[in-house]
Amino acid sequence: MTDRPILFSGPMVRALLDGRKTQTRRMLKPQPDDILEGQIPRQLRTAIGDRLWVKETWRPHGWHSDCVEIAYAAQRGLVGWSEQHAQIRYPDGDRNGFKYYAPEGPDFWRPSLFMPRWASRLTLIVTDVRVERLQNISGDDAIAEGAEIDPNYRTPCLDGVVYPMVKVAPGAWMSPVAWYHRLWDQINGPKAWEANPWVAVYTFTVIKQNIDQIEKVAA
């Protein structure tokens, strides 16, 4: 079992918190020259049983005698301030050591890249790993990627199957795969979907707890 960090955008963090997201795709770097569907290439380091601690945009909100109060940008504007915060003991009990992570003061949002492990509030336990072409994503997998299905709108297709849809604007819906196509291009750049790269597909269980707090509870 290995612990690794993983970055998520605000909308994807909200999907994790809501229980909608149980899967993520990451582009293989470098892309393999020759691989069979389902093979696990050597450059893939994450395996079943590994734990991924989520890095997201954050900032310190206040300091107390024995802990620092952390705010998470993914919830800003969605819930009351009292529900956005987590009180975390200073790293290694050192108040001065925390200032290394927060030199700009309490109003400065830190990019997800710079979230320290002890400030993370979400842990993912990897339950499945596979490799496939990006465009092979199924509708069910796109839903597992965090698509927010509109329970009041479904569309029948020529094969007679009624498919769930994602509401993307007033009066506008997309299929889950079309929604993921758009999301991929937003994250990776225009026409990134068309390149159809090899991607690692991670399925996971979400634990709404700091990775090191899980160890303490288990102990």
Protein backbone atom coordinates (compact mmCIF):
# COMPACT_ATOMS: atom_id res chain seq x y z
CA MET A 1 0.00 0.00 0.00
CA THR A 2 1.34 3.42 -1.03
CA ASP A 3 0.09 6.91 -0.17
CA ARG A 4 0.07 9.48 -2.98
CA PRO A 5 -1.38 12.98 -3.47
CA ILE A 6 -3.92 13.67 -6.22
CA LEU A 7 -5.21 17.05 -7.44
CA PHE A 8 -8.87 17.85 -8.10
CA SER A 9 -10.67 20.99 -9.26
CA GLY A 10 -13.41 22.61 -7.16
CA PRO A 11 -16.34 21.04 -9.10
CA MET A 12 -14.76 17.58 -8.81
CA VAL A 13 -14.15 18.04 -5.07
CA ARG A 14 -17.85 18.89 -4.69
CA ALA A 15 -18.70 15.73 -6.65
CA LEU A 16 -16.52 13.71 -4.24
CA LEU A 17 -18.25 15.29 -1.25
CA ASP A 18 -21.68 14.64 -2.76
CA GLY A 19 -20.87 10.99 -3.38
CA ARG A 20 -21.25 11.36 -7.17
CA LYS A 21 -17.60 10.79 -8.07
CA THR A 22 -16.04 7.35 -7.60
CA GLN A 23 -13.75 7.28 -10.64
CA THR A 24 -11.09 9.44 -12.25
CA ARG A 25 -9.08 9.28 -15.50
CA ARG A 26 -5.50 10.49 -15.75
CA MET A 27 -3.49 10.69 -18.97
CA LEU A 28 -0.54 8.31 -19.16
CA LYS A 29 2.77 10.16 -19.43
CA PRO A 30 4.59 9.27 -21.55
CA GLN A 31 2.01 7.70 -23.82
CA PRO A 32 2.80 4.01 -24.48
CA ASP A 33 3.81 3.12 -28.04
CA ASP A 34 2.19 -0.29 -28.09
CA ILE A 35 -0.19 -1.63 -25.48
CA LEU A 36 -3.16 -3.96 -25.42
CA GLU A 37 -6.44 -2.84 -23.88
CA GLY A 38 -6.38 -3.77 -20.20
CA GLN A 39 -2.59 -4.07 -19.87
CA ILE A 40 -0.97 -2.14 -17.04
CA PRO A 41 2.11 -0.26 -18.32
CA ARG A 42 5.26 0.13 -16.27
CA GLN A 43 4.86 3.89 -15.81
CA LEU A 44 1.62 3.37 -13.86
CA ARG A 45 2.60 3.59 -10.19
CA THR A 46 -0.81 3.57 -8.49
CA ALA A 47 -2.23 0.13 -7.63
CA ILE A 48 -5.29 -1.38 -5.97
CA GLY A 49 -5.17 -0.71 -2.23
CA ASP A 50 -3.20 2.53 -2.54
CA ARG A 51 -4.50 5.62 -0.73
CA LEU A 52 -4.77 8.98 -2.48
CA TRP A 53 -5.04 12.15 -0.41
CA VAL A 54 -6.90 14.90 -2.22
CA LYS A 55 -5.25 18.26 -2.84
CA GLU A 56 -7.65 21.19 -3.35
CA THR A 57 -7.61 24.99 -3.16
CA TRP A 58 -7.47 26.07 0.50
CA ARG A 59 -6.48 28.82 2.91
CA PRO A 60 -6.04 29.34 6.65
CA HIS A 61 -9.07 31.08 8.12
CA GLY A 62 -7.98 31.63 11.68
CA TRP A 63 -5.46 30.64 14.32
CA HIS A 64 -6.20 29.30 17.78
CA SER A 65 -4.07 28.35 20.74
CA ASP A 66 -3.68 24.74 19.65
CA CYS A 67 -4.98 24.53 16.07
CA VAL A 68 -5.44 26.33 12.77
CA GLU A 69 -8.79 26.73 11.04
CA ILE A 70 -8.73 25.73 7.35
CA ALA A 71 -11.22 26.91 4.69
CA TYR A 72 -11.76 25.00 1.45
CA ALA A 73 -12.54 26.92 -1.75
CA ALA A 74 -14.67 24.12 -3.23
CA GLN A 75 -17.45 24.93 -0.78
CA ARG A 76 -17.23 28.72 -0.90
CA GLY A 77 -20.64 30.24 -1.56
CA LEU A 78 -22.44 26.89 -1.25
CA VAL A 79 -22.76 26.49 2.50
CA GLY A 80 -22.37 28.58 5.61
CA TRP A 81 -18.87 29.55 6.67
CA SER A 82 -19.14 27.43 9.80
CA GLU A 83 -19.50 24.34 7.59
CA GLN A 84 -16.57 25.17 5.33
CA HIS A 85 -13.96 25.02 8.02
CA ALA A 86 -11.93 22.28 9.62
CA GLN A 87 -9.88 22.82 12.74
CA ILE A 88 -6.55 21.03 12.48
CA ARG A 89 -3.79 20.84 15.06
CA TYR A 90 -0.61 22.59 14.07
CA PRO A 91 1.78 20.33 12.12
CA ASP A 92 3.97 18.53 14.66
CA GLY A 93 2.47 20.82 17.30
CA ASP A 94 4.58 23.75 16.05
CA ARG A 95 2.63 27.01 15.60
CA ASN A 96 5.58 28.71 13.96
CA GLY A 97 6.00 25.82 11.55
CA PHE A 98 2.54 26.48 10.13
CA LYS A 99 3.62 29.94 8.97
CA TYR A 100 5.84 28.21 6.44
CA TYR A 101 2.64 27.13 4.67
CA ALA A 102 0.78 30.40 5.14
CA PRO A 103 3.19 33.32 4.70
CA GLU A 104 0.61 35.55 3.01
CA GLY A 105 -1.90 35.65 5.85
CA PRO A 106 -5.45 34.25 6.24
CA ASP A 107 -7.04 35.84 3.14
CA PHE A 108 -4.72 34.34 0.54
CA TRP A 109 -6.05 31.27 -1.30
CA ARG A 110 -3.41 28.62 -1.92
CA PRO A 111 -3.50 26.57 -5.15
CA SER A 112 -4.27 22.88 -4.74
CA LEU A 113 -0.70 22.06 -5.77
CA PHE A 114 0.52 23.54 -2.47
CA MET A 115 -1.93 21.86 -0.09
CA PRO A 116 0.07 20.00 2.57
CA ARG A 117 -0.92 16.46 3.50
CA TRP A 118 -2.11 17.41 6.99
CA ALA A 119 -4.64 19.94 5.58
CA SER A 120 -6.35 17.43 3.25
CA ARG A 121 -9.89 16.43 4.24
CA LEU A 122 -10.56 13.65 1.69
CA THR A 123 -8.89 10.28 1.20
CA LEU A 124 -9.52 7.88 -1.72
CA ILE A 125 -8.94 4.14 -1.40
CA VAL A 126 -8.20 2.67 -4.85
CA THR A 127 -10.38 -0.39 -5.56
CA ASP A 128 -9.67 -0.90 -9.28
CA VAL A 129 -7.08 0.17 -11.86
CA ARG A 130 -7.23 -0.27 -15.62
CA VAL A 131 -5.88 1.35 -18.79
CA GLU A 132 -7.97 2.24 -21.84
CA ARG A 133 -8.40 4.77 -24.61
CA LEU A 134 -10.11 7.93 -23.42
CA GLN A 135 -13.01 7.70 -25.87
CA ASN A 136 -13.87 4.17 -24.68
CA ILE A 137 -15.55 5.66 -21.62
CA SER A 138 -19.07 4.30 -21.13
CA GLY A 139 -22.13 6.20 -19.99
CA ASP A 140 -21.97 4.51 -16.57
CA ASP A 141 -18.29 5.43 -16.24
CA ALA A 142 -19.03 9.05 -17.17
CA ILE A 143 -21.63 9.12 -14.40
CA ALA A 144 -19.03 7.66 -12.01
CA GLU A 145 -16.73 10.55 -13.06
CA GLY A 146 -19.16 12.91 -11.30
CA ALA A 147 -21.81 13.76 -13.89
CA GLU A 148 -24.81 15.25 -12.11
CA ILE A 149 -27.79 13.43 -13.62
CA ASP A 150 -31.07 15.35 -13.94
CA PRO A 151 -33.67 13.01 -12.38
CA ASN A 152 -36.47 14.81 -14.23
CA TYR A 153 -35.10 14.47 -17.75
CA ARG A 154 -34.21 11.41 -19.81
CA THR A 155 -34.10 10.96 -23.54
CA PRO A 156 -35.15 7.91 -25.60
CA CYS A 157 -32.80 6.84 -28.41
CA LEU A 158 -33.29 4.81 -31.60
CA ASP A 159 -32.44 1.57 -29.81
CA GLY A 160 -35.37 2.10 -27.49
CA VAL A 161 -33.20 2.65 -24.40
CA VAL A 162 -33.94 5.70 -22.27
CA TYR A 163 -30.70 7.43 -21.27
CA PRO A 164 -30.04 9.71 -18.26
CA MET A 165 -28.98 13.24 -19.08
CA VAL A 166 -26.90 15.97 -17.46
CA LYS A 167 -28.40 19.48 -17.24
CA VAL A 168 -25.68 21.93 -18.30
CA ALA A 169 -27.77 25.14 -18.64
CA PRO A 170 -31.43 26.18 -18.48
CA GLY A 171 -33.18 24.18 -21.21
CA ALA A 172 -29.95 22.38 -22.25
CA TRP A 173 -28.93 18.79 -21.52
CA MET A 174 -26.05 16.51 -22.51
CA SER A 175 -25.45 12.78 -22.35
CA PRO A 176 -22.97 11.80 -19.59
CA VAL A 177 -20.29 10.99 -22.19
CA ALA A 178 -20.79 14.34 -23.97
CA TRP A 179 -20.53 16.06 -20.59
CA TYR A 180 -17.26 14.27 -19.87
CA HIS A 181 -15.96 15.12 -23.38
CA ARG A 182 -16.52 18.80 -22.60
CA LEU A 183 -14.97 18.47 -19.12
CA TRP A 184 -11.85 16.78 -20.52
CA ASP A 185 -11.31 19.58 -23.04
CA GLN A 186 -11.84 22.22 -20.34
CA ILE A 187 -9.12 20.63 -18.19
CA ASN A 188 -6.65 19.55 -20.87
CA GLY A 189 -7.18 22.08 -23.66
CA PRO A 190 -9.13 22.32 -26.93
CA LYS A 191 -9.30 19.10 -28.98
CA ALA A 192 -7.65 17.09 -26.19
CA TRP A 193 -10.53 14.62 -26.47
CA GLU A 194 -9.89 14.14 -30.19
CA ALA A 195 -6.33 12.93 -29.45
CA ASN A 196 -7.92 9.92 -27.72
CA PRO A 197 -4.92 9.24 -25.45
CA TRP A 198 -4.33 6.21 -23.28
CA VAL A 199 -5.58 6.95 -19.76
CA ALA A 200 -5.33 5.27 -16.39
CA VAL A 201 -8.77 4.70 -14.87
CA TYR A 202 -8.90 4.65 -11.07
CA THR A 203 -12.01 3.53 -9.21
CA PHE A 204 -12.07 4.36 -5.52
CA THR A 205 -13.96 4.61 -2.26
CA VAL A 206 -14.18 8.12 -0.78
CA ILE A 207 -13.41 8.64 2.91
CA LYS A 208 -14.22 12.11 4.21
CA GLN A 209 -11.27 12.21 6.55
CA ASN A 210 -7.63 13.20 6.60
CA ILE A 211 -5.40 10.29 5.61
CA ASP A 212 -3.41 10.37 8.87
CA GLN A 213 -6.55 10.58 11.00
CA ILE A 214 -7.70 7.30 9.41
CA GLU A 215 -4.51 5.65 10.67
CA LYS A 216 -5.14 6.95 14.18
CA VAL A 217 -8.73 5.67 14.22
CA ALA A 218 -7.61 2.26 12.91
CA ALA A 219 -4.92 2.07 15.56
